[in-house]
PDB file of N, CA and C in Angstrom:
ATOM      1  N   MET A   1     -40.659 -39.626  -5.797  1.00  0.00           N
ATOM      2  CA  MET A   1     -39.581 -40.177  -5.008  1.00  0.00           C
ATOM      3  C   MET A   1     -38.340 -40.394  -5.870  1.00  0.00           C
ATOM      4  N   LEU A   2     -38.509 -40.935  -7.084  1.00  0.00           N
ATOM      5  CA  LEU A   2     -37.373 -41.126  -7.989  1.00  0.00           C
ATOM      6  C   LEU A   2     -36.760 -39.780  -8.349  1.00  0.00           C
ATOM      7  N   HIS A   3     -37.610 -38.797  -8.590  1.00  0.00           N
ATOM      8  CA  HIS A   3     -37.130 -37.448  -8.908  1.00  0.00           C
ATOM      9  C   HIS A   3     -36.248 -36.923  -7.777  1.00  0.00           C
ATOM     10  N   ASP A   4     -36.661 -37.114  -6.551  1.00  0.00           N
ATOM     11  CA  ASP A   4     -35.878 -36.665  -5.402  1.00  0.00           C
ATOM     12  C   ASP A   4     -34.537 -37.379  -5.322  1.00  0.00           C
ATOM     13  N   ALA A   5     -34.534 -38.675  -5.595  1.00  0.00           N
ATOM     14  CA  ALA A   5     -33.290 -39.448  -5.555  1.00  0.00           C
ATOM     15  C   ALA A   5     -32.329 -38.968  -6.644  1.00  0.00           C
ATOM     16  N   VAL A   6     -32.832 -38.719  -7.837  1.00  0.00           N
ATOM     17  CA  VAL A   6     -31.999 -38.233  -8.935  1.00  0.00           C
ATOM     18  C   VAL A   6     -31.423 -36.869  -8.592  1.00  0.00           C
ATOM     19  N   GLU A   7     -32.238 -36.014  -8.013  1.00  0.00           N
ATOM     20  CA  GLU A   7     -31.754 -34.687  -7.623  1.00  0.00           C
ATOM     21  C   GLU A   7     -30.657 -34.793  -6.562  1.00  0.00           C
ATOM     22  N   LEU A   8     -30.826 -35.667  -5.613  1.00  0.00           N
ATOM     23  CA  LEU A   8     -29.822 -35.869  -4.571  1.00  0.00           C
ATOM     24  C   LEU A   8     -28.508 -36.387  -5.159  1.00  0.00           C
ATOM     25  N   VAL A   9     -28.589 -37.323  -6.080  1.00  0.00           N
ATOM     26  CA  VAL A   9     -27.384 -37.847  -6.731  1.00  0.00           C
ATOM     27  C   VAL A   9     -26.683 -36.744  -7.519  1.00  0.00           C
ATOM     28  N   ASN A  10     -27.437 -35.929  -8.204  1.00  0.00           N
ATOM     29  CA  ASN A  10     -26.839 -34.825  -8.959  1.00  0.00           C
ATOM     30  C   ASN A  10     -26.141 -33.823  -8.040  1.00  0.00           C
ATOM     31  N   TRP A  11     -26.741 -33.528  -6.908  1.00  0.00           N
ATOM     32  CA  TRP A  11     -26.090 -32.637  -5.937  1.00  0.00           C
ATOM     33  C   TRP A  11     -24.796 -33.260  -5.419  1.00  0.00           C
ATOM     34  N   TYR A  12     -24.823 -34.560  -5.162  1.00  0.00           N
ATOM     35  CA  TYR A  12     -23.629 -35.233  -4.666  1.00  0.00           C
ATOM     36  C   TYR A  12     -22.525 -35.232  -5.718  1.00  0.00           C
ATOM     37  N   ARG A  13     -22.893 -35.410  -6.979  1.00  0.00           N
ATOM     38  CA  ARG A  13     -21.893 -35.372  -8.052  1.00  0.00           C
ATOM     39  C   ARG A  13     -21.247 -33.994  -8.154  1.00  0.00           C
ATOM     40  N   ALA A  14     -21.985 -32.949  -7.845  1.00  0.00           N
ATOM     41  CA  ALA A  14     -21.440 -31.590  -7.895  1.00  0.00           C
ATOM     42  C   ALA A  14     -20.470 -31.328  -6.748  1.00  0.00           C
ATOM     43  N   ARG A  15     -20.512 -32.160  -5.722  1.00  0.00           N
ATOM     44  CA  ARG A  15     -19.661 -31.955  -4.550  1.00  0.00           C
ATOM     45  C   ARG A  15     -18.183 -31.889  -4.915  1.00  0.00           C
ATOM     46  N   TRP A  16     -17.725 -32.756  -5.799  1.00  0.00           N
ATOM     47  CA  TRP A  16     -16.317 -32.781  -6.169  1.00  0.00           C
ATOM     48  C   TRP A  16     -15.899 -31.480  -6.853  1.00  0.00           C
ATOM     49  N   GLU A  17     -16.758 -30.946  -7.706  1.00  0.00           N
ATOM     50  CA  GLU A  17     -16.456 -29.664  -8.349  1.00  0.00           C
ATOM     51  C   GLU A  17     -16.345 -28.547  -7.314  1.00  0.00           C
ATOM     52  N   ILE A  18     -17.207 -28.584  -6.319  1.00  0.00           N
ATOM     53  CA  ILE A  18     -17.164 -27.580  -5.251  1.00  0.00           C
ATOM     54  C   ILE A  18     -15.884 -27.730  -4.445  1.00  0.00           C
ATOM     55  N   GLU A  19     -15.492 -28.970  -4.153  1.00  0.00           N
ATOM     56  CA  GLU A  19     -14.243 -29.217  -3.423  1.00  0.00           C
ATOM     57  C   GLU A  19     -13.056 -28.651  -4.195  1.00  0.00           C
ATOM     58  N   LEU A  20     -13.003 -28.901  -5.505  1.00  0.00           N
ATOM     59  CA  LEU A  20     -11.909 -28.382  -6.324  1.00  0.00           C
ATOM     60  C   LEU A  20     -11.915 -26.858  -6.368  1.00  0.00           C
ATOM     61  N   PHE A  21     -13.109 -26.270  -6.438  1.00  0.00           N
ATOM     62  CA  PHE A  21     -13.219 -24.812  -6.475  1.00  0.00           C
ATOM     63  C   PHE A  21     -12.581 -24.187  -5.241  1.00  0.00           C
ATOM     64  N   PHE A  22     -12.870 -24.724  -4.072  1.00  0.00           N
ATOM     65  CA  PHE A  22     -12.336 -24.142  -2.846  1.00  0.00           C
ATOM     66  C   PHE A  22     -10.905 -24.578  -2.559  1.00  0.00           C
ATOM     67  N   LEU A  23     -10.435 -25.620  -3.237  1.00  0.00           N
ATOM     68  CA  LEU A  23      -9.050 -26.045  -3.081  1.00  0.00           C
ATOM     69  C   LEU A  23      -8.094 -25.018  -3.692  1.00  0.00           C
ATOM     70  N   VAL A  24      -8.502 -24.363  -4.763  1.00  0.00           N
ATOM     71  CA  VAL A  24      -7.642 -23.386  -5.434  1.00  0.00           C
ATOM     72  C   VAL A  24      -7.278 -22.224  -4.508  1.00  0.00           C
ATOM     73  N   PRO A  25      -8.239 -21.534  -3.872  1.00  0.00           N
ATOM     74  CA  PRO A  25      -7.823 -20.442  -2.972  1.00  0.00           C
ATOM     75  C   PRO A  25      -7.075 -20.958  -1.741  1.00  0.00           C
ATOM     76  N   LYS A  26      -7.477 -22.132  -1.256  1.00  0.00           N
ATOM     77  CA  LYS A  26      -6.862 -22.640  -0.029  1.00  0.00           C
ATOM     78  C   LYS A  26      -5.429 -23.107  -0.264  1.00  0.00           C
ATOM     79  N   GLU A  27      -5.224 -23.983  -1.226  1.00  0.00           N
ATOM     80  CA  GLU A  27      -3.903 -24.558  -1.464  1.00  0.00           C
ATOM     81  C   GLU A  27      -3.107 -23.771  -2.500  1.00  0.00           C
ATOM     82  N   GLY A  28      -3.747 -23.415  -3.592  1.00  0.00           N
ATOM     83  CA  GLY A  28      -3.041 -22.718  -4.665  1.00  0.00           C
ATOM     84  C   GLY A  28      -2.688 -21.285  -4.324  1.00  0.00           C
ATOM     85  N   CYS A  29      -3.629 -20.549  -3.757  1.00  0.00           N
ATOM     86  CA  CYS A  29      -3.397 -19.141  -3.412  1.00  0.00           C
ATOM     87  C   CYS A  29      -2.968 -18.959  -1.956  1.00  0.00           C
ATOM     88  N   ARG A  30      -3.096 -20.004  -1.176  1.00  0.00           N
ATOM     89  CA  ARG A  30      -2.727 -19.971   0.251  1.00  0.00           C
ATOM     90  C   ARG A  30      -3.401 -18.816   0.988  1.00  0.00           C
ATOM     91  N   VAL A  31      -4.693 -18.697   0.789  1.00  0.00           N
ATOM     92  CA  VAL A  31      -5.457 -17.584   1.355  1.00  0.00           C
ATOM     93  C   VAL A  31      -5.433 -17.588   2.887  1.00  0.00           C
ATOM     94  N   GLU A  32      -5.300 -18.772   3.490  1.00  0.00           N
ATOM     95  CA  GLU A  32      -5.274 -18.836   4.955  1.00  0.00           C
ATOM     96  C   GLU A  32      -4.033 -18.184   5.541  1.00  0.00           C
ATOM     97  N   ARG A  33      -2.966 -18.107   4.771  1.00  0.00           N
ATOM     98  CA  ARG A  33      -1.730 -17.477   5.253  1.00  0.00           C
ATOM     99  C   ARG A  33      -1.831 -15.959   5.347  1.00  0.00           C
ATOM    100  N   LEU A  34      -2.834 -15.387   4.719  1.00  0.00           N
ATOM    101  CA  LEU A  34      -2.984 -13.931   4.757  1.00  0.00           C
ATOM    102  C   LEU A  34      -3.256 -13.425   6.168  1.00  0.00           C
ATOM    103  N   GLN A  35      -4.006 -14.174   6.933  1.00  0.00           N
ATOM    104  CA  GLN A  35      -4.370 -13.831   8.314  1.00  0.00           C
ATOM    105  C   GLN A  35      -4.860 -12.385   8.432  1.00  0.00           C
ATOM    106  N   LEU A  36      -5.812 -12.042   7.603  1.00  0.00           N
ATOM    107  CA  LEU A  36      -6.365 -10.694   7.597  1.00  0.00           C
ATOM    108  C   LEU A  36      -7.383 -10.536   8.730  1.00  0.00           C
ATOM    109  N   ALA A  37      -7.192  -9.523   9.535  1.00  0.00           N
ATOM    110  CA  ALA A  37      -8.095  -9.277  10.663  1.00  0.00           C
ATOM    111  C   ALA A  37      -9.209  -8.300  10.293  1.00  0.00           C
ATOM    112  N   ASP A  38      -8.968  -7.437   9.340  1.00  0.00           N
ATOM    113  CA  ASP A  38      -9.946  -6.438   8.917  1.00  0.00           C
ATOM    114  C   ASP A  38     -10.928  -7.083   7.937  1.00  0.00           C
ATOM    115  N   ILE A  39     -12.208  -6.981   8.210  1.00  0.00           N
ATOM    116  CA  ILE A  39     -13.242  -7.635   7.395  1.00  0.00           C
ATOM    117  C   ILE A  39     -13.244  -7.116   5.959  1.00  0.00           C
ATOM    118  N   GLU A  40     -12.986  -5.832   5.763  1.00  0.00           N
ATOM    119  CA  GLU A  40     -12.986  -5.287   4.404  1.00  0.00           C
ATOM    120  C   GLU A  40     -11.826  -5.855   3.584  1.00  0.00           C
ATOM    121  N   ARG A  41     -10.676  -5.999   4.198  1.00  0.00           N
ATOM    122  CA  ARG A  41      -9.529  -6.585   3.498  1.00  0.00           C
ATOM    123  C   ARG A  41      -9.783  -8.057   3.191  1.00  0.00           C
ATOM    124  N   LEU A  42     -10.400  -8.739   4.132  1.00  0.00           N
ATOM    125  CA  LEU A  42     -10.717 -10.148   3.925  1.00  0.00           C
ATOM    126  C   LEU A  42     -11.711 -10.310   2.776  1.00  0.00           C
ATOM    127  N   GLN A  43     -12.726  -9.475   2.731  1.00  0.00           N
ATOM    128  CA  GLN A  43     -13.715  -9.544   1.652  1.00  0.00           C
ATOM    129  C   GLN A  43     -13.077  -9.249   0.298  1.00  0.00           C
ATOM    130  N   THR A  44     -12.184  -8.266   0.260  1.00  0.00           N
ATOM    131  CA  THR A  44     -11.496  -7.929  -0.985  1.00  0.00           C
ATOM    132  C   THR A  44     -10.626  -9.088  -1.452  1.00  0.00           C
ATOM    133  N   ALA A  45      -9.880  -9.680  -0.523  1.00  0.00           N
ATOM    134  CA  ALA A  45      -9.013 -10.805  -0.860  1.00  0.00           C
ATOM    135  C   ALA A  45      -9.838 -11.997  -1.351  1.00  0.00           C
ATOM    136  N   LEU A  46     -10.928 -12.295  -0.669  1.00  0.00           N
ATOM    137  CA  LEU A  46     -11.769 -13.413  -1.082  1.00  0.00           C
ATOM    138  C   LEU A  46     -12.394 -13.177  -2.451  1.00  0.00           C
ATOM    139  N   ALA A  47     -12.815 -11.957  -2.712  1.00  0.00           N
ATOM    140  CA  ALA A  47     -13.386 -11.644  -4.022  1.00  0.00           C
ATOM    141  C   ALA A  47     -12.349 -11.890  -5.117  1.00  0.00           C
ATOM    142  N   LEU A  48     -11.128 -11.494  -4.886  1.00  0.00           N
ATOM    143  CA  LEU A  48     -10.067 -11.701  -5.864  1.00  0.00           C
ATOM    144  C   LEU A  48      -9.754 -13.182  -6.032  1.00  0.00           C
ATOM    145  N   TYR A  49      -9.543 -13.880  -4.921  1.00  0.00           N
ATOM    146  CA  TYR A  49      -9.149 -15.281  -4.979  1.00  0.00           C
ATOM    147  C   TYR A  49     -10.268 -16.189  -5.497  1.00  0.00           C
ATOM    148  N   LEU A  50     -11.510 -15.870  -5.205  1.00  0.00           N
ATOM    149  CA  LEU A  50     -12.606 -16.682  -5.738  1.00  0.00           C
ATOM    150  C   LEU A  50     -12.760 -16.472  -7.240  1.00  0.00           C
ATOM    151  N   GLY A  51     -12.446 -15.263  -7.712  1.00  0.00           N
ATOM    152  CA  GLY A  51     -12.415 -15.029  -9.160  1.00  0.00           C
ATOM    153  C   GLY A  51     -11.324 -15.848  -9.829  1.00  0.00           C
ATOM    154  N   VAL A  52     -10.162 -15.908  -9.195  1.00  0.00           N
ATOM    155  CA  VAL A  52      -9.058 -16.734  -9.693  1.00  0.00           C
ATOM    156  C   VAL A  52      -9.472 -18.199  -9.694  1.00  0.00           C
ATOM    157  N   ALA A  53     -10.088 -18.647  -8.601  1.00  0.00           N
ATOM    158  CA  ALA A  53     -10.516 -20.050  -8.498  1.00  0.00           C
ATOM    159  C   ALA A  53     -11.522 -20.393  -9.599  1.00  0.00           C
ATOM    160  N   TRP A  54     -12.446 -19.490  -9.870  1.00  0.00           N
ATOM    161  CA  TRP A  54     -13.430 -19.748 -10.914  1.00  0.00           C
ATOM    162  C   TRP A  54     -12.745 -19.910 -12.269  1.00  0.00           C
ATOM    163  N   ARG A  55     -11.788 -19.027 -12.564  1.00  0.00           N
ATOM    164  CA  ARG A  55     -11.115 -19.094 -13.868  1.00  0.00           C
ATOM    165  C   ARG A  55     -10.275 -20.370 -13.984  1.00  0.00           C
ATOM    166  N   ILE A  56      -9.568 -20.732 -12.935  1.00  0.00           N
ATOM    167  CA  ILE A  56      -8.751 -21.943 -12.967  1.00  0.00           C
ATOM    168  C   ILE A  56      -9.639 -23.174 -13.128  1.00  0.00           C
ATOM    169  N   ASN A  57     -10.736 -23.232 -12.391  1.00  0.00           N
ATOM    170  CA  ASN A  57     -11.647 -24.385 -12.523  1.00  0.00           C
ATOM    171  C   ASN A  57     -12.240 -24.464 -13.923  1.00  0.00           C
ATOM    172  N   ARG A  58     -12.567 -23.334 -14.489  1.00  0.00           N
ATOM    173  CA  ARG A  58     -13.100 -23.307 -15.851  1.00  0.00           C
ATOM    174  C   ARG A  58     -12.061 -23.833 -16.834  1.00  0.00           C
ATOM    175  N   LEU A  59     -10.817 -23.413 -16.661  1.00  0.00           N
ATOM    176  CA  LEU A  59      -9.751 -23.886 -17.542  1.00  0.00           C
ATOM    177  C   LEU A  59      -9.494 -25.376 -17.371  1.00  0.00           C
ATOM    178  N   MET A  60      -9.559 -25.868 -16.139  1.00  0.00           N
ATOM    179  CA  MET A  60      -9.379 -27.303 -15.915  1.00  0.00           C
ATOM    180  C   MET A  60     -10.478 -28.096 -16.604  1.00  0.00           C
ATOM    181  N   ARG A  61     -11.716 -27.635 -16.472  1.00  0.00           N
ATOM    182  CA  ARG A  61     -12.841 -28.335 -17.099  1.00  0.00           C
ATOM    183  C   ARG A  61     -12.699 -28.323 -18.618  1.00  0.00           C
ATOM    184  N   LEU A  62     -12.376 -27.173 -19.185  1.00  0.00           N
ATOM    185  CA  LEU A  62     -12.212 -27.077 -20.633  1.00  0.00           C
ATOM    186  C   LEU A  62     -11.021 -27.909 -21.108  1.00  0.00           C
ATOM    187  N   GLY A  63      -9.937 -27.918 -20.324  1.00  0.00           N
ATOM    188  CA  GLY A  63      -8.772 -28.712 -20.685  1.00  0.00           C
ATOM    189  C   GLY A  63      -9.072 -30.197 -20.714  1.00  0.00           C
ATOM    190  N   ARG A  64      -9.974 -30.632 -19.858  1.00  0.00           N
ATOM    191  CA  ARG A  64     -10.353 -32.054 -19.838  1.00  0.00           C
ATOM    192  C   ARG A  64     -11.315 -32.407 -20.964  1.00  0.00           C
ATOM    193  N   THR A  65     -12.231 -31.492 -21.271  1.00  0.00           N
ATOM    194  CA  THR A  65     -13.260 -31.813 -22.255  1.00  0.00           C
ATOM    195  C   THR A  65     -12.896 -31.378 -23.669  1.00  0.00           C
ATOM    196  N   LEU A  66     -12.136 -30.284 -23.795  1.00  0.00           N
ATOM    197  CA  LEU A  66     -11.747 -29.756 -25.109  1.00  0.00           C
ATOM    198  C   LEU A  66     -10.251 -29.444 -25.129  1.00  0.00           C
ATOM    199  N   PRO A  67      -9.389 -30.446 -25.018  1.00  0.00           N
ATOM    200  CA  PRO A  67      -7.947 -30.185 -24.890  1.00  0.00           C
ATOM    201  C   PRO A  67      -7.323 -29.509 -26.107  1.00  0.00           C
ATOM    202  N   ASP A  68      -7.954 -29.599 -27.266  1.00  0.00           N
ATOM    203  CA  ASP A  68      -7.404 -28.985 -28.470  1.00  0.00           C
ATOM    204  C   ASP A  68      -7.889 -27.555 -28.696  1.00  0.00           C
ATOM    205  N   LEU A  69      -8.593 -27.001 -27.738  1.00  0.00           N
ATOM    206  CA  LEU A  69      -9.075 -25.624 -27.842  1.00  0.00           C
ATOM    207  C   LEU A  69      -7.880 -24.666 -27.894  1.00  0.00           C
ATOM    208  N   PRO A  70      -7.822 -23.755 -28.871  1.00  0.00           N
ATOM    209  CA  PRO A  70      -6.697 -22.826 -28.954  1.00  0.00           C
ATOM    210  C   PRO A  70      -6.627 -21.905 -27.738  1.00  0.00           C
ATOM    211  N   ALA A  71      -5.426 -21.687 -27.259  1.00  0.00           N
ATOM    212  CA  ALA A  71      -5.223 -20.878 -26.057  1.00  0.00           C
ATOM    213  C   ALA A  71      -5.670 -19.435 -26.251  1.00  0.00           C
ATOM    214  N   ASP A  72      -5.624 -18.932 -27.477  1.00  0.00           N
ATOM    215  CA  ASP A  72      -5.981 -17.530 -27.689  1.00  0.00           C
ATOM    216  C   ASP A  72      -7.471 -17.250 -27.546  1.00  0.00           C
ATOM    217  N   LEU A  73      -8.282 -18.291 -27.408  1.00  0.00           N
ATOM    218  CA  LEU A  73      -9.709 -18.077 -27.135  1.00  0.00           C
ATOM    219  C   LEU A  73      -9.956 -17.686 -25.681  1.00  0.00           C
ATOM    220  N   LEU A  74      -9.018 -18.033 -24.801  1.00  0.00           N
ATOM    221  CA  LEU A  74      -9.207 -17.799 -23.374  1.00  0.00           C
ATOM    222  C   LEU A  74      -8.175 -16.861 -22.759  1.00  0.00           C
ATOM    223  N   PHE A  75      -7.076 -16.637 -23.463  1.00  0.00           N
ATOM    224  CA  PHE A  75      -5.998 -15.810 -22.933  1.00  0.00           C
ATOM    225  C   PHE A  75      -5.575 -14.761 -23.947  1.00  0.00           C
ATOM    226  N   GLU A  76      -5.070 -13.661 -23.442  1.00  0.00           N
ATOM    227  CA  GLU A  76      -4.432 -12.652 -24.282  1.00  0.00           C
ATOM    228  C   GLU A  76      -3.075 -13.210 -24.713  1.00  0.00           C
ATOM    229  N   PRO A  77      -2.502 -12.706 -25.809  1.00  0.00           N
ATOM    230  CA  PRO A  77      -1.214 -13.233 -26.274  1.00  0.00           C
ATOM    231  C   PRO A  77      -0.101 -13.201 -25.215  1.00  0.00           C
ATOM    232  N   ASP A  78      -0.029 -12.134 -24.425  1.00  0.00           N
ATOM    233  CA  ASP A  78       1.026 -12.101 -23.403  1.00  0.00           C
ATOM    234  C   ASP A  78       0.769 -13.109 -22.283  1.00  0.00           C
ATOM    235  N   GLU A  79      -0.499 -13.418 -22.017  1.00  0.00           N
ATOM    236  CA  GLU A  79      -0.818 -14.412 -20.989  1.00  0.00           C
ATOM    237  C   GLU A  79      -0.425 -15.815 -21.434  1.00  0.00           C
ATOM    238  N   TRP A  80      -0.907 -16.235 -22.606  1.00  0.00           N
ATOM    239  CA  TRP A  80      -0.570 -17.594 -23.025  1.00  0.00           C
ATOM    240  C   TRP A  80       0.898 -17.698 -23.392  1.00  0.00           C
ATOM    241  N   GLY A  81       1.493 -16.612 -23.874  1.00  0.00           N
ATOM    242  CA  GLY A  81       2.917 -16.643 -24.207  1.00  0.00           C
ATOM    243  C   GLY A  81       3.783 -16.882 -22.984  1.00  0.00           C
ATOM    244  N   ALA A  82       3.462 -16.189 -21.885  1.00  0.00           N
ATOM    245  CA  ALA A  82       4.233 -16.373 -20.656  1.00  0.00           C
ATOM    246  C   ALA A  82       4.049 -17.778 -20.091  1.00  0.00           C
ATOM    247  N   ALA A  83       2.821 -18.260 -20.070  1.00  0.00           N
ATOM    248  CA  ALA A  83       2.561 -19.602 -19.539  1.00  0.00           C
ATOM    249  C   ALA A  83       3.179 -20.666 -20.436  1.00  0.00           C
ATOM    250  N   PHE A  84       3.063 -20.486 -21.732  1.00  0.00           N
ATOM    251  CA  PHE A  84       3.566 -21.485 -22.669  1.00  0.00           C
ATOM    252  C   PHE A  84       5.093 -21.548 -22.654  1.00  0.00           C
ATOM    253  N   SER A  85       5.744 -20.421 -22.408  1.00  0.00           N
ATOM    254  CA  SER A  85       7.206 -20.408 -22.371  1.00  0.00           C
ATOM    255  C   SER A  85       7.746 -21.211 -21.194  1.00  0.00           C
ATOM    256  N   ARG A  86       6.915 -21.487 -20.196  1.00  0.00           N
ATOM    257  CA  ARG A  86       7.327 -22.248 -19.023  1.00  0.00           C
ATOM    258  C   ARG A  86       7.143 -23.751 -19.194  1.00  0.00           C
ATOM    259  N   THR A  87       6.546 -24.183 -20.300  1.00  0.00           N
ATOM    260  CA  THR A  87       6.344 -25.620 -20.497  1.00  0.00           C
ATOM    261  C   THR A  87       7.660 -26.291 -20.837  1.00  0.00           C
ATOM    262  N   LYS A  88       7.745 -27.575 -20.559  1.00  0.00           N
ATOM    263  CA  LYS A  88       8.975 -28.326 -20.808  1.00  0.00           C
ATOM    264  C   LYS A  88       9.154 -28.679 -22.275  1.00  0.00           C
ATOM    265  N   ASN A  89       8.065 -28.675 -23.026  1.00  0.00           N
ATOM    266  CA  ASN A  89       8.123 -29.105 -24.414  1.00  0.00           C
ATOM    267  C   ASN A  89       7.355 -28.134 -25.306  1.00  0.00           C
ATOM    268  N   PRO A  90       7.853 -26.892 -25.456  1.00  0.00           N
ATOM    269  CA  PRO A  90       7.117 -25.942 -26.299  1.00  0.00           C
ATOM    270  C   PRO A  90       7.149 -26.363 -27.766  1.00  0.00           C
ATOM    271  N   CYS A  91       6.100 -26.004 -28.482  1.00  0.00           N
ATOM    272  CA  CYS A  91       5.982 -26.325 -29.900  1.00  0.00           C
ATOM    273  C   CYS A  91       6.196 -25.028 -30.679  1.00  0.00           C
ATOM    274  N   PRO A  92       7.376 -24.789 -31.203  1.00  0.00           N
ATOM    275  CA  PRO A  92       7.632 -23.522 -31.891  1.00  0.00           C
ATOM    276  C   PRO A  92       6.785 -23.374 -33.147  1.00  0.00           C
ATOM    277  N   GLY A  93       6.356 -22.154 -33.401  1.00  0.00           N
ATOM    278  CA  GLY A  93       5.604 -21.852 -34.610  1.00  0.00           C
ATOM    279  C   GLY A  93       4.168 -22.319 -34.604  1.00  0.00           C
ATOM    280  N   ARG A  94       3.658 -22.726 -33.465  1.00  0.00           N
ATOM    281  CA  ARG A  94       2.283 -23.231 -33.398  1.00  0.00           C
ATOM    282  C   ARG A  94       1.569 -22.602 -32.207  1.00  0.00           C
ATOM    283  N   LEU A  95       0.364 -22.147 -32.446  1.00  0.00           N
ATOM    284  CA  LEU A  95      -0.437 -21.599 -31.356  1.00  0.00           C
ATOM    285  C   LEU A  95      -0.736 -22.715 -30.362  1.00  0.00           C
ATOM    286  N   PRO A  96      -0.447 -22.522 -29.085  1.00  0.00           N
ATOM    287  CA  PRO A  96      -0.660 -23.602 -28.113  1.00  0.00           C
ATOM    288  C   PRO A  96      -2.135 -23.892 -27.883  1.00  0.00           C
ATOM    289  N   ARG A  97      -2.384 -25.089 -27.432  1.00  0.00           N
ATOM    290  CA  ARG A  97      -3.719 -25.543 -27.060  1.00  0.00           C
ATOM    291  C   ARG A  97      -3.821 -25.537 -25.544  1.00  0.00           C
ATOM    292  N   LEU A  98      -4.993 -25.867 -25.006  1.00  0.00           N
ATOM    293  CA  LEU A  98      -5.139 -25.901 -23.555  1.00  0.00           C
ATOM    294  C   LEU A  98      -4.239 -26.948 -22.923  1.00  0.00           C
ATOM    295  N   THR A  99      -3.986 -28.031 -23.629  1.00  0.00           N
ATOM    296  CA  THR A  99      -3.011 -29.012 -23.141  1.00  0.00           C
ATOM    297  C   THR A  99      -1.706 -28.702 -23.875  1.00  0.00           C
ATOM    298  N   PRO A 100      -0.758 -28.044 -23.193  1.00  0.00           N
ATOM    299  CA  PRO A 100       0.409 -27.461 -23.869  1.00  0.00           C
ATOM    300  C   PRO A 100       1.537 -28.449 -24.173  1.00  0.00           C
ATOM    301  N   TRP A 101       1.264 -29.437 -25.002  1.00  0.00           N
ATOM    302  CA  TRP A 101       2.341 -30.292 -25.463  1.00  0.00           C
ATOM    303  C   TRP A 101       2.115 -30.616 -26.919  1.00  0.00           C
ATOM    304  N   CYS A 102       3.169 -30.946 -27.574  1.00  0.00           N
ATOM    305  CA  CYS A 102       3.087 -31.254 -29.011  1.00  0.00           C
ATOM    306  C   CYS A 102       2.492 -32.635 -29.201  1.00  0.00           C
ATOM    307  N   ALA A 103       1.673 -32.768 -30.192  1.00  0.00           N
ATOM    308  CA  ALA A 103       1.083 -34.072 -30.500  1.00  0.00           C
ATOM    309  C   ALA A 103       1.672 -34.608 -31.786  1.00  0.00           C
TER     310      ALA A 103
END
């Protein structure tokens, strides 16, 4: 009985991660605005957007737990360079971390 209760609590704790995962395609990618009527197009779009959601959620989790992780471990130089150039407080001459501000 205790084992069942612990398992139920663990499933409930995972609920928030699931909510965040589906929030990315819904709010961030605005997948509902696509209004795709063709099932093949819808499946293709969902496959793309769920891949994006997975990567964003992974980055959010890593940013919370390992904020000093170097950006080049997860991004190509042109990817982190473009994102880092958009920050309000870039740190010149230093490889950015997942939390892109100078310490």
